[in-house]
Amino acid sequence: MKALLITDIQNDFLPGGSLAVKEGDLIVPTINDLASQYELVVATQDWHPIDHKSFVSQHIGKKVFDTIDLNGLPQTLWPEHCVQDSWGAQFPASLSLKPIAVIFHKGMNASIDSYSGFYDNAKLSNTGLDGYLKAKGITAVDICGLAADYCVYYTAMDALELGFQST
């Protein structure tokens, strides 16, 4: 069985958000249409504490998009985004939530970033997504969302590594 995995369609990644993907809002209607074609739809949600170490505000003298070493891993410094319970962390009103069976939060550990929907960047902590999908008999996932070069990419790579077919 195949599931649709909606990755990080959140206000901060859309126009007007603090880490907006140019024209990112244009994919939302397509995602809504896609969701109706799947028996199982799940979503990830970037969900950072205010003091997350990936935020440039936590590093005096650094600029947005600088790269630092954070606990032995390269870390791009981002503007504050998807802070827990903030407007930016919420799903946009244009995204239909009805088809989404469950939402997996990621990026909650202030000391390590989490691009993938499955693990943090060091693969020390699991979001539970893998176990949930396998318990539902899912063998393949179609992945959509934002941003293609970060969270969608790393989610797809981990899906393949975990044995899921992925597109």
C-alpha atoms as a PDB file:
ATOM      1  CA  MET A   1       0.000   0.000   0.000  1.00  0.00           C
ATOM      2  CA  LYS A   2       1.135   3.541  -0.759  1.00  0.00           C
ATOM      3  CA  ALA A   3       0.744   6.657   1.403  1.00  0.00           C
ATOM      4  CA  LEU A   4       1.081  10.363   0.682  1.00  0.00           C
ATOM      5  CA  LEU A   5       3.522  12.174   2.952  1.00  0.00           C
ATOM      6  CA  ILE A   6       2.989  15.943   3.067  1.00  0.00           C
ATOM      7  CA  THR A   7       6.207  17.589   4.227  1.00  0.00           C
ATOM      8  CA  ASP A   8       6.241  20.908   6.091  1.00  0.00           C
ATOM      9  CA  ILE A   9       3.507  22.878   4.333  1.00  0.00           C
ATOM     10  CA  GLN A  10       3.626  25.632   6.948  1.00  0.00           C
ATOM     11  CA  ASN A  11       3.114  29.379   6.954  1.00  0.00           C
ATOM     12  CA  ASP A  12       6.796  30.189   7.502  1.00  0.00           C
ATOM     13  CA  PHE A  13       7.717  28.345   4.280  1.00  0.00           C
ATOM     14  CA  LEU A  14       5.108  30.192   2.215  1.00  0.00           C
ATOM     15  CA  PRO A  15       5.199  33.773   0.892  1.00  0.00           C
ATOM     16  CA  GLY A  16       5.090  36.134   3.874  1.00  0.00           C
ATOM     17  CA  GLY A  17       6.798  33.607   6.144  1.00  0.00           C
ATOM     18  CA  SER A  18      10.235  33.992   7.688  1.00  0.00           C
ATOM     19  CA  LEU A  19      11.837  31.286   5.498  1.00  0.00           C
ATOM     20  CA  ALA A  20       9.572  31.465   2.469  1.00  0.00           C
ATOM     21  CA  VAL A  21      10.017  29.295  -0.594  1.00  0.00           C
ATOM     22  CA  LYS A  22       9.304  31.465  -3.627  1.00  0.00           C
ATOM     23  CA  GLU A  23       5.789  30.669  -4.876  1.00  0.00           C
ATOM     24  CA  GLY A  24       5.578  27.803  -2.387  1.00  0.00           C
ATOM     25  CA  ASP A  25       1.892  28.506  -1.948  1.00  0.00           C
ATOM     26  CA  LEU A  26       1.257  27.440  -5.539  1.00  0.00           C
ATOM     27  CA  ILE A  27       1.687  23.757  -4.662  1.00  0.00           C
ATOM     28  CA  VAL A  28      -1.026  23.708  -1.997  1.00  0.00           C
ATOM     29  CA  PRO A  29      -3.993  23.200  -4.378  1.00  0.00           C
ATOM     30  CA  THR A  30      -2.103  20.361  -6.078  1.00  0.00           C
ATOM     31  CA  ILE A  31      -1.414  18.732  -2.705  1.00  0.00           C
ATOM     32  CA  ASN A  32      -5.091  19.032  -1.800  1.00  0.00           C
ATOM     33  CA  ASP A  33      -5.997  17.299  -5.066  1.00  0.00           C
ATOM     34  CA  LEU A  34      -3.373  14.592  -4.547  1.00  0.00           C
ATOM     35  CA  ALA A  35      -4.516  13.843  -1.005  1.00  0.00           C
ATOM     36  CA  SER A  36      -7.926  12.717  -2.227  1.00  0.00           C
ATOM     37  CA  GLN A  37      -6.246   9.918  -4.209  1.00  0.00           C
ATOM     38  CA  TYR A  38      -4.685   8.133  -1.204  1.00  0.00           C
ATOM     39  CA  GLU A  39      -6.102   5.861   1.463  1.00  0.00           C
ATOM     40  CA  LEU A  40      -3.515   7.163   3.926  1.00  0.00           C
ATOM     41  CA  VAL A  41      -2.169  10.712   4.146  1.00  0.00           C
ATOM     42  CA  VAL A  42       0.300  11.794   6.827  1.00  0.00           C
ATOM     43  CA  ALA A  43       2.129  15.073   7.357  1.00  0.00           C
ATOM     44  CA  THR A  44       5.250  16.410   8.999  1.00  0.00           C
ATOM     45  CA  GLN A  45       5.430  19.711  10.807  1.00  0.00           C
ATOM     46  CA  ASP A  46       8.634  21.566  11.672  1.00  0.00           C
ATOM     47  CA  TRP A  47       8.115  22.372  15.370  1.00  0.00           C
ATOM     48  CA  HIS A  48      11.073  24.207  16.884  1.00  0.00           C
ATOM     49  CA  PRO A  49      11.529  25.563  20.398  1.00  0.00           C
ATOM     50  CA  ILE A  50      12.247  29.298  20.458  1.00  0.00           C
ATOM     51  CA  ASP A  51      15.891  28.660  21.437  1.00  0.00           C
ATOM     52  CA  HIS A  52      16.655  26.190  18.647  1.00  0.00           C
ATOM     53  CA  LYS A  53      20.375  26.171  17.870  1.00  0.00           C
ATOM     54  CA  SER A  54      19.741  26.299  14.106  1.00  0.00           C
ATOM     55  CA  PHE A  55      18.424  29.848  14.532  1.00  0.00           C
ATOM     56  CA  VAL A  56      20.914  32.591  13.717  1.00  0.00           C
ATOM     57  CA  SER A  57      19.555  34.524  16.720  1.00  0.00           C
ATOM     58  CA  GLN A  58      21.301  31.972  18.958  1.00  0.00           C
ATOM     59  CA  HIS A  59      24.762  32.761  17.520  1.00  0.00           C
ATOM     60  CA  ILE A  60      26.220  36.229  18.111  1.00  0.00           C
ATOM     61  CA  GLY A  61      28.095  37.617  15.114  1.00  0.00           C
ATOM     62  CA  LYS A  62      26.697  35.094  12.641  1.00  0.00           C
ATOM     63  CA  LYS A  63      24.459  35.754   9.647  1.00  0.00           C
ATOM     64  CA  VAL A  64      21.532  33.895   8.131  1.00  0.00           C
ATOM     65  CA  PHE A  65      22.790  31.032   5.929  1.00  0.00           C
ATOM     66  CA  ASP A  66      26.222  30.919   7.594  1.00  0.00           C
ATOM     67  CA  THR A  67      27.328  27.354   8.300  1.00  0.00           C
ATOM     68  CA  ILE A  68      28.630  26.351  11.721  1.00  0.00           C
ATOM     69  CA  ASP A  69      29.584  23.108  13.426  1.00  0.00           C
ATOM     70  CA  LEU A  70      26.770  22.058  15.755  1.00  0.00           C
ATOM     71  CA  ASN A  71      27.539  18.975  17.812  1.00  0.00           C
ATOM     72  CA  GLY A  72      29.809  17.603  15.100  1.00  0.00           C
ATOM     73  CA  LEU A  73      27.442  18.256  12.198  1.00  0.00           C
ATOM     74  CA  PRO A  74      27.430  21.114   9.685  1.00  0.00           C
ATOM     75  CA  GLN A  75      24.503  23.397  10.439  1.00  0.00           C
ATOM     76  CA  THR A  76      23.112  26.122   8.216  1.00  0.00           C
ATOM     77  CA  LEU A  77      21.865  29.019  10.327  1.00  0.00           C
ATOM     78  CA  TRP A  78      18.262  29.951   9.606  1.00  0.00           C
ATOM     79  CA  PRO A  79      16.021  32.817  10.581  1.00  0.00           C
ATOM     80  CA  GLU A  80      13.622  31.870  13.353  1.00  0.00           C
ATOM     81  CA  HIS A  81      10.929  29.746  11.751  1.00  0.00           C
ATOM     82  CA  CYS A  82       8.220  27.272  12.677  1.00  0.00           C
ATOM     83  CA  VAL A  83       8.466  28.098  16.380  1.00  0.00           C
ATOM     84  CA  GLN A  84       6.119  25.880  18.361  1.00  0.00           C
ATOM     85  CA  ASP A  85       2.564  27.251  18.587  1.00  0.00           C
ATOM     86  CA  SER A  86       3.385  30.272  16.409  1.00  0.00           C
ATOM     87  CA  TRP A  87       1.505  31.399  13.295  1.00  0.00           C
ATOM     88  CA  GLY A  88       4.530  30.428  11.209  1.00  0.00           C
ATOM     89  CA  ALA A  89       4.465  26.839  12.453  1.00  0.00           C
ATOM     90  CA  GLN A  90       0.809  26.372  11.591  1.00  0.00           C
ATOM     91  CA  PHE A  91      -0.517  24.863   8.398  1.00  0.00           C
ATOM     92  CA  PRO A  92      -1.982  27.462   6.031  1.00  0.00           C
ATOM     93  CA  ALA A  93      -5.755  27.757   5.845  1.00  0.00           C
ATOM     94  CA  SER A  94      -5.537  26.728   2.179  1.00  0.00           C
ATOM     95  CA  LEU A  95      -4.232  23.240   3.072  1.00  0.00           C
ATOM     96  CA  SER A  96      -7.026  20.730   3.594  1.00  0.00           C
ATOM     97  CA  LEU A  97      -6.344  18.984   6.904  1.00  0.00           C
ATOM     98  CA  LYS A  98      -9.289  16.596   6.673  1.00  0.00           C
ATOM     99  CA  PRO A  99      -7.429  13.836   4.775  1.00  0.00           C
ATOM    100  CA  ILE A 100      -4.415  13.909   7.136  1.00  0.00           C
ATOM    101  CA  ALA A 101      -4.538  10.924   9.493  1.00  0.00           C
ATOM    102  CA  VAL A 102      -1.626  11.962  11.703  1.00  0.00           C
ATOM    103  CA  ILE A 103       0.966  14.742  11.987  1.00  0.00           C
ATOM    104  CA  PHE A 104       4.566  14.040  12.986  1.00  0.00           C
ATOM    105  CA  HIS A 105       6.479  16.901  14.624  1.00  0.00           C
ATOM    106  CA  LYS A 106      10.183  17.295  13.963  1.00  0.00           C
ATOM    107  CA  GLY A 107      12.958  19.637  15.052  1.00  0.00           C
ATOM    108  CA  MET A 108      11.843  19.730  18.682  1.00  0.00           C
ATOM    109  CA  ASN A 109      15.290  19.082  20.163  1.00  0.00           C
ATOM    110  CA  ALA A 110      16.904  22.521  20.485  1.00  0.00           C
ATOM    111  CA  SER A 111      20.403  21.073  20.021  1.00  0.00           C
ATOM    112  CA  ILE A 112      19.983  19.400  16.628  1.00  0.00           C
ATOM    113  CA  ASP A 113      18.112  20.151  13.431  1.00  0.00           C
ATOM    114  CA  SER A 114      15.782  17.709  11.739  1.00  0.00           C
ATOM    115  CA  TYR A 115      15.294  17.988   7.998  1.00  0.00           C
ATOM    116  CA  SER A 116      13.914  14.473   7.531  1.00  0.00           C
ATOM    117  CA  GLY A 117      10.424  13.480   8.570  1.00  0.00           C
ATOM    118  CA  PHE A 118      11.905  10.266   9.967  1.00  0.00           C
ATOM    119  CA  TYR A 119      14.924  11.327  12.077  1.00  0.00           C
ATOM    120  CA  ASP A 120      16.933  14.245  13.369  1.00  0.00           C
ATOM    121  CA  ASN A 121      20.035  15.094  11.311  1.00  0.00           C
ATOM    122  CA  ALA A 122      22.302  12.784  13.350  1.00  0.00           C
ATOM    123  CA  LYS A 123      19.717   9.972  13.278  1.00  0.00           C
ATOM    124  CA  LEU A 124      19.766   9.849  17.073  1.00  0.00           C
ATOM    125  CA  SER A 125      16.037  10.389  17.489  1.00  0.00           C
ATOM    126  CA  ASN A 126      13.173   8.879  15.492  1.00  0.00           C
ATOM    127  CA  THR A 127       9.910  10.772  14.916  1.00  0.00           C
ATOM    128  CA  GLY A 128       7.837   7.577  14.891  1.00  0.00           C
ATOM    129  CA  LEU A 129       6.867   8.011  11.241  1.00  0.00           C
ATOM    130  CA  ASP A 130       8.652   4.840  10.112  1.00  0.00           C
ATOM    131  CA  GLY A 131       6.931   2.645  12.693  1.00  0.00           C
ATOM    132  CA  TYR A 132       3.539   4.187  12.009  1.00  0.00           C
ATOM    133  CA  LEU A 133       3.768   3.612   8.260  1.00  0.00           C
ATOM    134  CA  LYS A 134       4.993   0.036   8.656  1.00  0.00           C
ATOM    135  CA  ALA A 135       2.230  -0.738  11.178  1.00  0.00           C
ATOM    136  CA  LYS A 136      -0.280   0.449   8.564  1.00  0.00           C
ATOM    137  CA  GLY A 137       1.218  -1.869   5.938  1.00  0.00           C
ATOM    138  CA  ILE A 138       2.707   0.953   3.901  1.00  0.00           C
ATOM    139  CA  THR A 139       5.488  -0.120   1.531  1.00  0.00           C
ATOM    140  CA  ALA A 140       5.691   3.005  -0.649  1.00  0.00           C
ATOM    141  CA  VAL A 141       5.402   6.738  -0.047  1.00  0.00           C
ATOM    142  CA  ASP A 142       4.849   9.630  -2.394  1.00  0.00           C
ATOM    143  CA  ILE A 143       6.429  12.706  -0.845  1.00  0.00           C
ATOM    144  CA  CYS A 144       5.450  16.301  -1.527  1.00  0.00           C
ATOM    145  CA  GLY A 145       5.944  19.579   0.274  1.00  0.00           C
ATOM    146  CA  LEU A 146       8.571  22.186   1.083  1.00  0.00           C
ATOM    147  CA  ALA A 147      11.391  22.689   0.687  1.00  0.00           C
ATOM    148  CA  ALA A 148      12.432  20.274  -2.053  1.00  0.00           C
ATOM    149  CA  ASP A 149      16.161  20.813  -1.465  1.00  0.00           C
ATOM    150  CA  TYR A 150      16.022  20.199   2.283  1.00  0.00           C
ATOM    151  CA  CYS A 151      13.147  18.533   4.095  1.00  0.00           C
ATOM    152  CA  VAL A 152      11.535  16.797   1.119  1.00  0.00           C
ATOM    153  CA  TYR A 153      14.922  15.558  -0.098  1.00  0.00           C
ATOM    154  CA  TYR A 154      16.097  14.208   3.277  1.00  0.00           C
ATOM    155  CA  THR A 155      12.714  12.627   3.958  1.00  0.00           C
ATOM    156  CA  ALA A 156      12.859  10.855   0.594  1.00  0.00           C
ATOM    157  CA  MET A 157      16.420   9.647   1.191  1.00  0.00           C
ATOM    158  CA  ASP A 158      15.515   8.252   4.603  1.00  0.00           C
ATOM    159  CA  ALA A 159      12.358   6.641   3.210  1.00  0.00           C
ATOM    160  CA  LEU A 160      14.489   4.761   0.685  1.00  0.00           C
ATOM    161  CA  GLU A 161      17.043   3.800   3.340  1.00  0.00           C
ATOM    162  CA  LEU A 162      14.218   2.441   5.508  1.00  0.00           C
ATOM    163  CA  GLY A 163      12.996   0.244   2.672  1.00  0.00           C
ATOM    164  CA  PHE A 164      10.071   2.255   1.354  1.00  0.00           C
ATOM    165  CA  GLN A 165       9.626   2.794  -2.339  1.00  0.00           C
ATOM    166  CA  SER A 166       9.560   6.548  -2.777  1.00  0.00           C
ATOM    167  CA  THR A 167       8.609   9.097  -5.406  1.00  0.00           C
END
